[in-house]
Amino acid sequence: MNPKQELAEERTDWAEDRTILAAERTFAGWLRTGLTIAALAIGLQALFRAAEPTWLPKAVATLFLITAVLVFAAAWSEARRSHRNFSTHGCRVQPTWRISLLSALLIAGTLGTGGVLWLL
């Protein structure tokens, strides 16, 4: 193989690794968005706790919590889809089980927060 071809293949490998890292940053961005939405739900409930009827702030906060769950599920789905197409060269990819576990824990925590919210 000539040196130009080797350099071209090496650049392609680096580009694939950059794509992998970008996909992981995107997953992290989705998680940050979901956590922000969940925090907004908790803040709304705290801010409007004294509102009448009492179920109204809880319902609005629940809508935001459901949105956060959907964001976590979408992040998990897209991360799994993109991981199927990866072939790494110089970087390590987060294992799919770790992404799945993290997403499941965030979904469970958000649903638990919703349950606690309605018990207050």
PDB file of N, CA and C in Angstrom:
ATOM      1  N   MET A   1       0.857  -1.176   0.000  1.00  0.00           N
ATOM      2  CA  MET A   1       0.000   0.000   0.000  1.00  0.00           C
ATOM      3  C   MET A   1       0.901   1.237   0.000  1.00  0.00           C
ATOM      4  N   ASN A   2       0.547   2.203  -0.814  1.00  0.00           N
ATOM      5  CA  ASN A   2       1.393   3.393  -0.893  1.00  0.00           C
ATOM      6  C   ASN A   2       1.114   4.341   0.279  1.00  0.00           C
ATOM      7  N   PRO A   3       2.046   5.227   0.577  1.00  0.00           N
ATOM      8  CA  PRO A   3       1.906   6.117   1.737  1.00  0.00           C
ATOM      9  C   PRO A   3       0.669   7.006   1.685  1.00  0.00           C
ATOM     10  N   LYS A   4       0.274   7.439   0.501  1.00  0.00           N
ATOM     11  CA  LYS A   4      -0.919   8.291   0.403  1.00  0.00           C
ATOM     12  C   LYS A   4      -2.166   7.509   0.804  1.00  0.00           C
ATOM     13  N   GLN A   5      -2.231   6.264   0.387  1.00  0.00           N
ATOM     14  CA  GLN A   5      -3.382   5.436   0.743  1.00  0.00           C
ATOM     15  C   GLN A   5      -3.421   5.187   2.246  1.00  0.00           C
ATOM     16  N   GLU A   6      -2.274   4.944   2.832  1.00  0.00           N
ATOM     17  CA  GLU A   6      -2.210   4.722   4.276  1.00  0.00           C
ATOM     18  C   GLU A   6      -2.676   5.958   5.036  1.00  0.00           C
ATOM     19  N   LEU A   7      -2.229   7.122   4.602  1.00  0.00           N
ATOM     20  CA  LEU A   7      -2.665   8.365   5.252  1.00  0.00           C
ATOM     21  C   LEU A   7      -4.167   8.573   5.093  1.00  0.00           C
ATOM     22  N   ALA A   8      -4.689   8.260   3.936  1.00  0.00           N
ATOM     23  CA  ALA A   8      -6.129   8.413   3.701  1.00  0.00           C
ATOM     24  C   ALA A   8      -6.922   7.479   4.609  1.00  0.00           C
ATOM     25  N   GLU A   9      -6.475   6.249   4.756  1.00  0.00           N
ATOM     26  CA  GLU A   9      -7.166   5.305   5.638  1.00  0.00           C
ATOM     27  C   GLU A   9      -7.068   5.744   7.089  1.00  0.00           C
ATOM     28  N   GLU A  10      -5.923   6.268   7.472  1.00  0.00           N
ATOM     29  CA  GLU A  10      -5.754   6.747   8.841  1.00  0.00           C
ATOM     30  C   GLU A  10      -6.688   7.922   9.125  1.00  0.00           C
ATOM     31  N   ARG A  11      -6.808   8.836   8.184  1.00  0.00           N
ATOM     32  CA  ARG A  11      -7.732   9.974   8.353  1.00  0.00           C
ATOM     33  C   ARG A  11      -9.170   9.484   8.447  1.00  0.00           C
ATOM     34  N   THR A  12      -9.512   8.473   7.663  1.00  0.00           N
ATOM     35  CA  THR A  12     -10.861   7.909   7.720  1.00  0.00           C
ATOM     36  C   THR A  12     -11.116   7.286   9.090  1.00  0.00           C
ATOM     37  N   ASP A  13     -10.124   6.576   9.615  1.00  0.00           N
ATOM     38  CA  ASP A  13     -10.266   5.988  10.949  1.00  0.00           C
ATOM     39  C   ASP A  13     -10.483   7.070  11.999  1.00  0.00           C
ATOM     40  N   TRP A  14      -9.722   8.154  11.910  1.00  0.00           N
ATOM     41  CA  TRP A  14      -9.891   9.253  12.863  1.00  0.00           C
ATOM     42  C   TRP A  14     -11.274   9.880  12.733  1.00  0.00           C
ATOM     43  N   ALA A  15     -11.758  10.000  11.520  1.00  0.00           N
ATOM     44  CA  ALA A  15     -13.091  10.574  11.306  1.00  0.00           C
ATOM     45  C   ALA A  15     -14.155   9.688  11.940  1.00  0.00           C
ATOM     46  N   GLU A  16     -13.997   8.373  11.821  1.00  0.00           N
ATOM     47  CA  GLU A  16     -14.956   7.462  12.451  1.00  0.00           C
ATOM     48  C   GLU A  16     -14.912   7.603  13.967  1.00  0.00           C
ATOM     49  N   ASP A  17     -13.714   7.725  14.527  1.00  0.00           N
ATOM     50  CA  ASP A  17     -13.600   7.912  15.975  1.00  0.00           C
ATOM     51  C   ASP A  17     -14.232   9.231  16.421  1.00  0.00           C
ATOM     52  N   ARG A  18     -14.050  10.284  15.644  1.00  0.00           N
ATOM     53  CA  ARG A  18     -14.692  11.570  15.981  1.00  0.00           C
ATOM     54  C   ARG A  18     -16.210  11.439  15.945  1.00  0.00           C
ATOM     55  N   THR A  19     -16.720  10.667  15.008  1.00  0.00           N
ATOM     56  CA  THR A  19     -18.165  10.454  14.917  1.00  0.00           C
ATOM     57  C   THR A  19     -18.673   9.720  16.154  1.00  0.00           C
ATOM     58  N   ILE A  20     -17.919   8.743  16.612  1.00  0.00           N
ATOM     59  CA  ILE A  20     -18.293   8.008  17.823  1.00  0.00           C
ATOM     60  C   ILE A  20     -18.343   8.951  19.019  1.00  0.00           C
ATOM     61  N   LEU A  21     -17.314   9.762  19.169  1.00  0.00           N
ATOM     62  CA  LEU A  21     -17.279  10.704  20.289  1.00  0.00           C
ATOM     63  C   LEU A  21     -18.405  11.728  20.192  1.00  0.00           C
ATOM     64  N   ALA A  22     -18.735  12.148  18.989  1.00  0.00           N
ATOM     65  CA  ALA A  22     -19.846  13.091  18.799  1.00  0.00           C
ATOM     66  C   ALA A  22     -21.166  12.447  19.197  1.00  0.00           C
ATOM     67  N   ALA A  23     -21.346  11.178  18.872  1.00  0.00           N
ATOM     68  CA  ALA A  23     -22.581  10.481  19.247  1.00  0.00           C
ATOM     69  C   ALA A  23     -22.697  10.376  20.764  1.00  0.00           C
ATOM     70  N   GLU A  24     -21.586  10.135  21.444  1.00  0.00           N
ATOM     71  CA  GLU A  24     -21.628  10.062  22.903  1.00  0.00           C
ATOM     72  C   GLU A  24     -21.901  11.434  23.522  1.00  0.00           C
ATOM     73  N   ARG A  25     -21.362  12.484  22.926  1.00  0.00           N
ATOM     74  CA  ARG A  25     -21.677  13.843  23.409  1.00  0.00           C
ATOM     75  C   ARG A  25     -23.154  14.158  23.194  1.00  0.00           C
ATOM     76  N   THR A  26     -23.704  13.688  22.088  1.00  0.00           N
ATOM     77  CA  THR A  26     -25.123  13.904  21.817  1.00  0.00           C
ATOM     78  C   THR A  26     -25.972  13.191  22.862  1.00  0.00           C
ATOM     79  N   PHE A  27     -25.607  11.954  23.206  1.00  0.00           N
ATOM     80  CA  PHE A  27     -26.316  11.212  24.248  1.00  0.00           C
ATOM     81  C   PHE A  27     -26.271  11.983  25.565  1.00  0.00           C
ATOM     82  N   ALA A  28     -25.095  12.483  25.924  1.00  0.00           N
ATOM     83  CA  ALA A  28     -24.962  13.263  27.155  1.00  0.00           C
ATOM     84  C   ALA A  28     -25.823  14.527  27.100  1.00  0.00           C
ATOM     85  N   GLY A  29     -25.901  15.146  25.935  1.00  0.00           N
ATOM     86  CA  GLY A  29     -26.747  16.330  25.774  1.00  0.00           C
ATOM     87  C   GLY A  29     -28.218  16.015  25.981  1.00  0.00           C
ATOM     88  N   TRP A  30     -28.657  14.881  25.453  1.00  0.00           N
ATOM     89  CA  TRP A  30     -30.045  14.460  25.664  1.00  0.00           C
ATOM     90  C   TRP A  30     -30.308  14.231  27.153  1.00  0.00           C
ATOM     91  N   LEU A  31     -29.364  13.604  27.843  1.00  0.00           N
ATOM     92  CA  LEU A  31     -29.549  13.367  29.276  1.00  0.00           C
ATOM     93  C   LEU A  31     -29.608  14.683  30.043  1.00  0.00           C
ATOM     94  N   ARG A  32     -28.746  15.622  29.698  1.00  0.00           N
ATOM     95  CA  ARG A  32     -28.794  16.943  30.355  1.00  0.00           C
ATOM     96  C   ARG A  32     -30.141  17.611  30.124  1.00  0.00           C
ATOM     97  N   THR A  33     -30.658  17.496  28.916  1.00  0.00           N
ATOM     98  CA  THR A  33     -31.957  18.095  28.607  1.00  0.00           C
ATOM     99  C   THR A  33     -33.052  17.448  29.446  1.00  0.00           C
ATOM    100  N   GLY A  34     -33.044  16.127  29.535  1.00  0.00           N
ATOM    101  CA  GLY A  34     -34.044  15.425  30.339  1.00  0.00           C
ATOM    102  C   GLY A  34     -33.967  15.797  31.806  1.00  0.00           C
ATOM    103  N   LEU A  35     -32.753  15.887  32.336  1.00  0.00           N
ATOM    104  CA  LEU A  35     -32.595  16.271  33.739  1.00  0.00           C
ATOM    105  C   LEU A  35     -33.054  17.705  33.983  1.00  0.00           C
ATOM    106  N   THR A  36     -32.820  18.577  33.034  1.00  0.00           N
ATOM    107  CA  THR A  36     -33.276  19.964  33.159  1.00  0.00           C
ATOM    108  C   THR A  36     -34.797  20.029  33.166  1.00  0.00           C
ATOM    109  N   ILE A  37     -35.424  19.240  32.314  1.00  0.00           N
ATOM    110  CA  ILE A  37     -36.889  19.211  32.273  1.00  0.00           C
ATOM    111  C   ILE A  37     -37.439  18.673  33.589  1.00  0.00           C
ATOM    112  N   ALA A  38     -36.812  17.625  34.137  1.00  0.00           N
ATOM    113  CA  ALA A  38     -37.261  17.075  35.421  1.00  0.00           C
ATOM    114  C   ALA A  38     -37.086  18.109  36.537  1.00  0.00           C
ATOM    115  N   ALA A  39     -35.976  18.838  36.522  1.00  0.00           N
ATOM    116  CA  ALA A  39     -35.760  19.883  37.529  1.00  0.00           C
ATOM    117  C   ALA A  39     -36.803  20.988  37.399  1.00  0.00           C
ATOM    118  N   LEU A  40     -37.169  21.317  36.173  1.00  0.00           N
ATOM    119  CA  LEU A  40     -38.215  22.311  35.944  1.00  0.00           C
ATOM    120  C   LEU A  40     -39.535  21.842  36.543  1.00  0.00           C
ATOM    121  N   ALA A  41     -39.843  20.563  36.388  1.00  0.00           N
ATOM    122  CA  ALA A  41     -41.079  20.015  36.952  1.00  0.00           C
ATOM    123  C   ALA A  41     -41.093  20.150  38.470  1.00  0.00           C
ATOM    124  N   ILE A  42     -39.993  19.816  39.102  1.00  0.00           N
ATOM    125  CA  ILE A  42     -39.910  19.917  40.562  1.00  0.00           C
ATOM    126  C   ILE A  42     -40.016  21.378  40.998  1.00  0.00           C
ATOM    127  N   GLY A  43     -39.366  22.266  40.268  1.00  0.00           N
ATOM    128  CA  GLY A  43     -39.441  23.690  40.589  1.00  0.00           C
ATOM    129  C   GLY A  43     -40.845  24.247  40.443  1.00  0.00           C
ATOM    130  N   LEU A  44     -41.533  23.840  39.387  1.00  0.00           N
ATOM    131  CA  LEU A  44     -42.915  24.306  39.200  1.00  0.00           C
ATOM    132  C   LEU A  44     -43.807  23.840  40.337  1.00  0.00           C
ATOM    133  N   GLN A  45     -43.646  22.591  40.739  1.00  0.00           N
ATOM    134  CA  GLN A  45     -44.449  22.066  41.840  1.00  0.00           C
ATOM    135  C   GLN A  45     -44.162  22.843  43.118  1.00  0.00           C
ATOM    136  N   ALA A  46     -42.909  23.135  43.383  1.00  0.00           N
ATOM    137  CA  ALA A  46     -42.553  23.875  44.597  1.00  0.00           C
ATOM    138  C   ALA A  46     -43.074  25.309  44.543  1.00  0.00           C
ATOM    139  N   LEU A  47     -42.987  25.924  43.383  1.00  0.00           N
ATOM    140  CA  LEU A  47     -43.395  27.318  43.232  1.00  0.00           C
ATOM    141  C   LEU A  47     -44.909  27.491  43.353  1.00  0.00           C
ATOM    142  N   PHE A  48     -45.655  26.572  42.764  1.00  0.00           N
ATOM    143  CA  PHE A  48     -47.115  26.708  42.732  1.00  0.00           C
ATOM    144  C   PHE A  48     -47.820  25.752  43.684  1.00  0.00           C
ATOM    145  N   ARG A  49     -47.138  25.306  44.719  1.00  0.00           N
ATOM    146  CA  ARG A  49     -47.707  24.340  45.656  1.00  0.00           C
ATOM    147  C   ARG A  49     -49.011  24.837  46.282  1.00  0.00           C
ATOM    148  N   ALA A  50     -49.099  26.121  46.584  1.00  0.00           N
ATOM    149  CA  ALA A  50     -50.273  26.662  47.273  1.00  0.00           C
ATOM    150  C   ALA A  50     -51.422  26.981  46.323  1.00  0.00           C
ATOM    151  N   ALA A  51     -51.251  26.751  45.044  1.00  0.00           N
ATOM    152  CA  ALA A  51     -52.294  27.083  44.065  1.00  0.00           C
ATOM    153  C   ALA A  51     -53.514  26.188  44.258  1.00  0.00           C
ATOM    154  N   GLU A  52     -54.648  26.733  43.925  1.00  0.00           N
ATOM    155  CA  GLU A  52     -55.904  25.976  43.967  1.00  0.00           C
ATOM    156  C   GLU A  52     -56.416  25.803  42.557  1.00  0.00           C
ATOM    157  N   PRO A  53     -56.909  24.707  42.160  1.00  0.00           N
ATOM    158  CA  PRO A  53     -56.957  23.428  42.875  1.00  0.00           C
ATOM    159  C   PRO A  53     -55.561  22.807  42.982  1.00  0.00           C
ATOM    160  N   THR A  54     -55.352  22.009  44.019  1.00  0.00           N
ATOM    161  CA  THR A  54     -54.015  21.475  44.308  1.00  0.00           C
ATOM    162  C   THR A  54     -53.514  20.506  43.239  1.00  0.00           C
ATOM    163  N   TRP A  55     -54.419  19.899  42.517  1.00  0.00           N
ATOM    164  CA  TRP A  55     -53.992  18.925  41.500  1.00  0.00           C
ATOM    165  C   TRP A  55     -53.399  19.604  40.266  1.00  0.00           C
ATOM    166  N   LEU A  56     -53.717  20.888  40.060  1.00  0.00           N
ATOM    167  CA  LEU A  56     -53.261  21.563  38.845  1.00  0.00           C
ATOM    168  C   LEU A  56     -51.727  21.680  38.751  1.00  0.00           C
ATOM    169  N   PRO A  57     -51.020  22.181  39.789  1.00  0.00           N
ATOM    170  CA  PRO A  57     -49.557  22.224  39.676  1.00  0.00           C
ATOM    171  C   PRO A  57     -48.941  20.829  39.566  1.00  0.00           C
ATOM    172  N   LYS A  58     -49.568  19.858  40.231  1.00  0.00           N
ATOM    173  CA  LYS A  58     -49.064  18.485  40.135  1.00  0.00           C
ATOM    174  C   LYS A  58     -49.222  17.951  38.717  1.00  0.00           C
ATOM    175  N   ALA A  59     -50.342  18.266  38.088  1.00  0.00           N
ATOM    176  CA  ALA A  59     -50.580  17.799  36.716  1.00  0.00           C
ATOM    177  C   ALA A  59     -49.589  18.433  35.740  1.00  0.00           C
ATOM    178  N   VAL A  60     -49.349  19.733  35.907  1.00  0.00           N
ATOM    179  CA  VAL A  60     -48.394  20.414  35.019  1.00  0.00           C
ATOM    180  C   VAL A  60     -46.992  19.840  35.227  1.00  0.00           C
ATOM    181  N   ALA A  61     -46.598  19.643  36.480  1.00  0.00           N
ATOM    182  CA  ALA A  61     -45.285  19.059  36.766  1.00  0.00           C
ATOM    183  C   ALA A  61     -45.190  17.645  36.201  1.00  0.00           C
ATOM    184  N   THR A  62     -46.278  16.896  36.277  1.00  0.00           N
ATOM    185  CA  THR A  62     -46.291  15.535  35.738  1.00  0.00           C
ATOM    186  C   THR A  62     -46.086  15.541  34.229  1.00  0.00           C
ATOM    187  N   LEU A  63     -46.667  16.510  33.540  1.00  0.00           N
ATOM    188  CA  LEU A  63     -46.446  16.612  32.092  1.00  0.00           C
ATOM    189  C   LEU A  63     -44.961  16.810  31.777  1.00  0.00           C
ATOM    190  N   PHE A  64     -44.300  17.640  32.565  1.00  0.00           N
ATOM    191  CA  PHE A  64     -42.868  17.844  32.352  1.00  0.00           C
ATOM    192  C   PHE A  64     -42.078  16.575  32.681  1.00  0.00           C
ATOM    193  N   LEU A  65     -42.488  15.849  33.725  1.00  0.00           N
ATOM    194  CA  LEU A  65     -41.794  14.604  34.065  1.00  0.00           C
ATOM    195  C   LEU A  65     -41.978  13.556  32.967  1.00  0.00           C
ATOM    196  N   ILE A  66     -43.173  13.490  32.396  1.00  0.00           N
ATOM    197  CA  ILE A  66     -43.406  12.564  31.277  1.00  0.00           C
ATOM    198  C   ILE A  66     -42.526  12.951  30.094  1.00  0.00           C
ATOM    199  N   THR A  67     -42.406  14.247  29.854  1.00  0.00           N
ATOM    200  CA  THR A  67     -41.529  14.715  28.773  1.00  0.00           C
ATOM    201  C   THR A  67     -40.082  14.298  29.038  1.00  0.00           C
ATOM    202  N   ALA A  68     -39.636  14.416  30.283  1.00  0.00           N
ATOM    203  CA  ALA A  68     -38.271  14.004  30.633  1.00  0.00           C
ATOM    204  C   ALA A  68     -38.073  12.511  30.372  1.00  0.00           C
ATOM    205  N   VAL A  69     -39.063  11.699  30.730  1.00  0.00           N
ATOM    206  CA  VAL A  69     -38.976  10.253  30.473  1.00  0.00           C
ATOM    207  C   VAL A  69     -38.867   9.989  28.978  1.00  0.00           C
ATOM    208  N   LEU A  70     -39.656  10.701  28.188  1.00  0.00           N
ATOM    209  CA  LEU A  70     -39.591  10.529  26.731  1.00  0.00           C
ATOM    210  C   LEU A  70     -38.226  10.942  26.178  1.00  0.00           C
ATOM    211  N   VAL A  71     -37.650  11.987  26.730  1.00  0.00           N
ATOM    212  CA  VAL A  71     -36.316  12.420  26.299  1.00  0.00           C
ATOM    213  C   VAL A  71     -35.279  11.341  26.639  1.00  0.00           C
ATOM    214  N   PHE A  72     -35.351  10.774  27.844  1.00  0.00           N
ATOM    215  CA  PHE A  72     -34.414   9.711  28.225  1.00  0.00           C
ATOM    216  C   PHE A  72     -34.576   8.488  27.321  1.00  0.00           C
ATOM    217  N   ALA A  73     -35.824   8.137  27.017  1.00  0.00           N
ATOM    218  CA  ALA A  73     -36.071   6.983  26.144  1.00  0.00           C
ATOM    219  C   ALA A  73     -35.554   7.243  24.729  1.00  0.00           C
ATOM    220  N   ALA A  74     -35.745   8.456  24.234  1.00  0.00           N
ATOM    221  CA  ALA A  74     -35.246   8.797  22.896  1.00  0.00           C
ATOM    222  C   ALA A  74     -33.721   8.771  22.874  1.00  0.00           C
ATOM    223  N   ALA A  75     -33.095   9.268  23.932  1.00  0.00           N
ATOM    224  CA  ALA A  75     -31.629   9.248  24.011  1.00  0.00           C
ATOM    225  C   ALA A  75     -31.118   7.817  23.980  1.00  0.00           C
ATOM    226  N   TRP A  76     -31.747   6.944  24.746  1.00  0.00           N
ATOM    227  CA  TRP A  76     -31.350   5.534  24.782  1.00  0.00           C
ATOM    228  C   TRP A  76     -31.514   4.890  23.409  1.00  0.00           C
ATOM    229  N   SER A  77     -32.649   5.138  22.785  1.00  0.00           N
ATOM    230  CA  SER A  77     -32.931   4.538  21.480  1.00  0.00           C
ATOM    231  C   SER A  77     -31.919   4.985  20.427  1.00  0.00           C
ATOM    232  N   GLU A  78     -31.652   6.274  20.377  1.00  0.00           N
ATOM    233  CA  GLU A  78     -30.707   6.789  19.380  1.00  0.00           C
ATOM    234  C   GLU A  78     -29.275   6.338  19.666  1.00  0.00           C
ATOM    235  N   ALA A  79     -28.909   6.267  20.938  1.00  0.00           N
ATOM    236  CA  ALA A  79     -27.557   5.810  21.277  1.00  0.00           C
ATOM    237  C   ALA A  79     -27.367   4.352  20.875  1.00  0.00           C
ATOM    238  N   ARG A  80     -28.368   3.531  21.121  1.00  0.00           N
ATOM    239  CA  ARG A  80     -28.267   2.116  20.722  1.00  0.00           C
ATOM    240  C   ARG A  80     -28.190   1.986  19.210  1.00  0.00           C
ATOM    241  N   ARG A  81     -28.996   2.769  18.516  1.00  0.00           N
ATOM    242  CA  ARG A  81     -29.001   2.701  17.050  1.00  0.00           C
ATOM    243  C   ARG A  81     -27.638   3.103  16.489  1.00  0.00           C
ATOM    244  N   SER A  82     -27.074   4.179  17.018  1.00  0.00           N
ATOM    245  CA  SER A  82     -25.787   4.608  16.473  1.00  0.00           C
ATOM    246  C   SER A  82     -24.649   3.677  16.884  1.00  0.00           C
ATOM    247  N   HIS A  83     -24.745   3.039  18.044  1.00  0.00           N
ATOM    248  CA  HIS A  83     -23.684   2.119  18.466  1.00  0.00           C
ATOM    249  C   HIS A  83     -23.608   0.883  17.573  1.00  0.00           C
ATOM    250  N   ARG A  84     -24.704   0.515  16.974  1.00  0.00           N
ATOM    251  CA  ARG A  84     -24.688  -0.653  16.083  1.00  0.00           C
ATOM    252  C   ARG A  84     -23.796  -0.424  14.868  1.00  0.00           C
ATOM    253  N   ASN A  85     -23.655   0.821  14.453  1.00  0.00           N
ATOM    254  CA  ASN A  85     -22.904   1.138  13.239  1.00  0.00           C
ATOM    255  C   ASN A  85     -21.444   1.492  13.495  1.00  0.00           C
ATOM    256  N   PHE A  86     -21.008   1.448  14.752  1.00  0.00           N
ATOM    257  CA  PHE A  86     -19.658   1.884  15.075  1.00  0.00           C
ATOM    258  C   PHE A  86     -18.628   0.804  14.798  1.00  0.00           C
ATOM    259  N   SER A  87     -17.498   1.240  14.287  1.00  0.00           N
ATOM    260  CA  SER A  87     -16.297   0.402  14.286  1.00  0.00           C
ATOM    261  C   SER A  87     -15.172   1.303  14.768  1.00  0.00           C
ATOM    262  N   THR A  88     -14.672   1.015  15.961  1.00  0.00           N
ATOM    263  CA  THR A  88     -13.691   1.901  16.583  1.00  0.00           C
ATOM    264  C   THR A  88     -12.287   1.551  16.134  1.00  0.00           C
ATOM    265  N   HIS A  89     -11.440   2.539  16.244  1.00  0.00           N
ATOM    266  CA  HIS A  89     -10.045   2.339  15.872  1.00  0.00           C
ATOM    267  C   HIS A  89      -9.138   2.745  17.027  1.00  0.00           C
ATOM    268  N   GLY A  90      -9.275   3.961  17.485  1.00  0.00           N
ATOM    269  CA  GLY A  90      -8.379   4.435  18.536  1.00  0.00           C
ATOM    270  C   GLY A  90      -9.085   4.856  19.806  1.00  0.00           C
ATOM    271  N   CYS A  91     -10.401   4.875  19.820  1.00  0.00           N
ATOM    272  CA  CYS A  91     -11.115   5.321  21.015  1.00  0.00           C
ATOM    273  C   CYS A  91     -12.012   4.202  21.534  1.00  0.00           C
ATOM    274  N   ARG A  92     -12.316   4.292  22.819  1.00  0.00           N
ATOM    275  CA  ARG A  92     -13.192   3.297  23.440  1.00  0.00           C
ATOM    276  C   ARG A  92     -14.619   3.821  23.425  1.00  0.00           C
ATOM    277  N   VAL A  93     -15.531   2.956  23.084  1.00  0.00           N
ATOM    278  CA  VAL A  93     -16.950   3.302  23.052  1.00  0.00           C
ATOM    279  C   VAL A  93     -17.571   2.876  24.377  1.00  0.00           C
ATOM    280  N   GLN A  94     -18.495   3.698  24.880  1.00  0.00           N
ATOM    281  CA  GLN A  94     -19.243   3.286  26.059  1.00  0.00           C
ATOM    282  C   GLN A  94     -20.017   2.021  25.711  1.00  0.00           C
ATOM    283  N   PRO A  95     -19.974   1.009  26.563  1.00  0.00           N
ATOM    284  CA  PRO A  95     -20.728  -0.209  26.245  1.00  0.00           C
ATOM    285  C   PRO A  95     -22.230   0.056  26.264  1.00  0.00           C
ATOM    286  N   THR A  96     -22.939  -0.687  25.442  1.00  0.00           N
ATOM    287  CA  THR A  96     -24.387  -0.504  25.339  1.00  0.00           C
ATOM    288  C   THR A  96     -25.075  -0.762  26.674  1.00  0.00           C
ATOM    289  N   TRP A  97     -24.577  -1.722  27.448  1.00  0.00           N
ATOM    290  CA  TRP A  97     -25.216  -2.023  28.729  1.00  0.00           C
ATOM    291  C   TRP A  97     -25.146  -0.823  29.663  1.00  0.00           C
ATOM    292  N   ARG A  98     -24.059  -0.064  29.607  1.00  0.00           N
ATOM    293  CA  ARG A  98     -23.920   1.103  30.480  1.00  0.00           C
ATOM    294  C   ARG A  98     -24.905   2.202  30.081  1.00  0.00           C
ATOM    295  N   ILE A  99     -25.049   2.400  28.790  1.00  0.00           N
ATOM    296  CA  ILE A  99     -26.005   3.394  28.296  1.00  0.00           C
ATOM    297  C   ILE A  99     -27.425   2.976  28.667  1.00  0.00           C
ATOM    298  N   SER A 100     -27.720   1.688  28.523  1.00  0.00           N
ATOM    299  CA  SER A 100     -29.053   1.184  28.865  1.00  0.00           C
ATOM    300  C   SER A 100     -29.325   1.317  30.357  1.00  0.00           C
ATOM    301  N   LEU A 101     -28.340   0.964  31.184  1.00  0.00           N
ATOM    302  CA  LEU A 101     -28.509   1.058  32.632  1.00  0.00           C
ATOM    303  C   LEU A 101     -28.718   2.502  33.069  1.00  0.00           C
ATOM    304  N   LEU A 102     -27.905   3.399  32.560  1.00  0.00           N
ATOM    305  CA  LEU A 102     -28.031   4.813  32.914  1.00  0.00           C
ATOM    306  C   LEU A 102     -29.396   5.362  32.507  1.00  0.00           C
ATOM    307  N   SER A 103     -29.829   5.034  31.312  1.00  0.00           N
ATOM    308  CA  SER A 103     -31.142   5.496  30.845  1.00  0.00           C
ATOM    309  C   SER A 103     -32.258   4.918  31.706  1.00  0.00           C
ATOM    310  N   ALA A 104     -32.164   3.625  32.029  1.00  0.00           N
ATOM    311  CA  ALA A 104     -33.198   2.984  32.850  1.00  0.00           C
ATOM    312  C   ALA A 104     -33.260   3.601  34.244  1.00  0.00           C
ATOM    313  N   LEU A 105     -32.103   3.884  34.833  1.00  0.00           N
ATOM    314  CA  LEU A 105     -32.089   4.500  36.161  1.00  0.00           C
ATOM    315  C   LEU A 105     -32.689   5.904  36.139  1.00  0.00           C
ATOM    316  N   LEU A 106     -32.375   6.669  35.119  1.00  0.00           N
ATOM    317  CA  LEU A 106     -32.948   8.016  35.019  1.00  0.00           C
ATOM    318  C   LEU A 106     -34.460   7.960  34.805  1.00  0.00           C
ATOM    319  N   ILE A 107     -34.919   7.014  33.994  1.00  0.00           N
ATOM    320  CA  ILE A 107     -36.359   6.862  33.783  1.00  0.00           C
ATOM    321  C   ILE A 107     -37.034   6.450  35.086  1.00  0.00           C
ATOM    322  N   ALA A 108     -36.454   5.467  35.789  1.00  0.00           N
ATOM    323  CA  ALA A 108     -37.042   5.018  37.058  1.00  0.00           C
ATOM    324  C   ALA A 108     -37.046   6.147  38.089  1.00  0.00           C
ATOM    325  N   GLY A 109     -35.962   6.897  38.169  1.00  0.00           N
ATOM    326  CA  GLY A 109     -35.904   8.015  39.109  1.00  0.00           C
ATOM    327  C   GLY A 109     -36.923   9.094  38.800  1.00  0.00           C
ATOM    328  N   THR A 110     -37.122   9.364  37.524  1.00  0.00           N
ATOM    329  CA  THR A 110     -38.101  10.379  37.127  1.00  0.00           C
ATOM    330  C   THR A 110     -39.517   9.907  37.439  1.00  0.00           C
ATOM    331  N   LEU A 111     -39.794   8.639  37.170  1.00  0.00           N
ATOM    332  CA  LEU A 111     -41.119   8.100  37.500  1.00  0.00           C
ATOM    333  C   LEU A 111     -41.341   8.093  39.011  1.00  0.00           C
ATOM    334  N   GLY A 112     -40.295   7.764  39.772  1.00  0.00           N
ATOM    335  CA  GLY A 112     -40.396   7.814  41.228  1.00  0.00           C
ATOM    336  C   GLY A 112     -40.643   9.226  41.732  1.00  0.00           C
ATOM    337  N   THR A 113     -39.997  10.186  41.110  1.00  0.00           N
ATOM    338  CA  THR A 113     -40.224  11.589  41.463  1.00  0.00           C
ATOM    339  C   THR A 113     -41.680  11.966  41.227  1.00  0.00           C
ATOM    340  N   GLY A 114     -42.239  11.488  40.122  1.00  0.00           N
ATOM    341  CA  GLY A 114     -43.655  11.746  39.845  1.00  0.00           C
ATOM    342  C   GLY A 114     -44.557  11.141  40.905  1.00  0.00           C
ATOM    343  N   GLY A 115     -44.222   9.926  41.343  1.00  0.00           N
ATOM    344  CA  GLY A 115     -45.009   9.288  42.401  1.00  0.00           C
ATOM    345  C   GLY A 115     -44.952  10.066  43.701  1.00  0.00           C
ATOM    346  N   VAL A 116     -43.763  10.492  44.083  1.00  0.00           N
ATOM    347  CA  VAL A 116     -43.598  11.278  45.310  1.00  0.00           C
ATOM    348  C   VAL A 116     -44.330  12.608  45.187  1.00  0.00           C
ATOM    349  N   LEU A 117     -44.264  13.200  44.016  1.00  0.00           N
ATOM    350  CA  LEU A 117     -44.922  14.484  43.771  1.00  0.00           C
ATOM    351  C   LEU A 117     -46.423  14.401  44.078  1.00  0.00           C
ATOM    352  N   TRP A 118     -47.058  13.310  43.685  1.00  0.00           N
ATOM    353  CA  TRP A 118     -48.496  13.168  43.908  1.00  0.00           C
ATOM    354  C   TRP A 118     -48.824  12.799  45.351  1.00  0.00           C
ATOM    355  N   LEU A 119     -47.845  12.280  46.097  1.00  0.00           N
ATOM    356  CA  LEU A 119     -48.085  11.950  47.503  1.00  0.00           C
ATOM    357  C   LEU A 119     -47.939  13.163  48.422  1.00  0.00           C
ATOM    358  N   LEU A 120     -47.316  14.227  47.931  1.00  0.00           N
ATOM    359  CA  LEU A 120     -47.124  15.432  48.760  1.00  0.00           C
ATOM    360  C   LEU A 120     -48.429  16.165  48.968  1.00  0.00           C
TER     361      LEU A 120
END
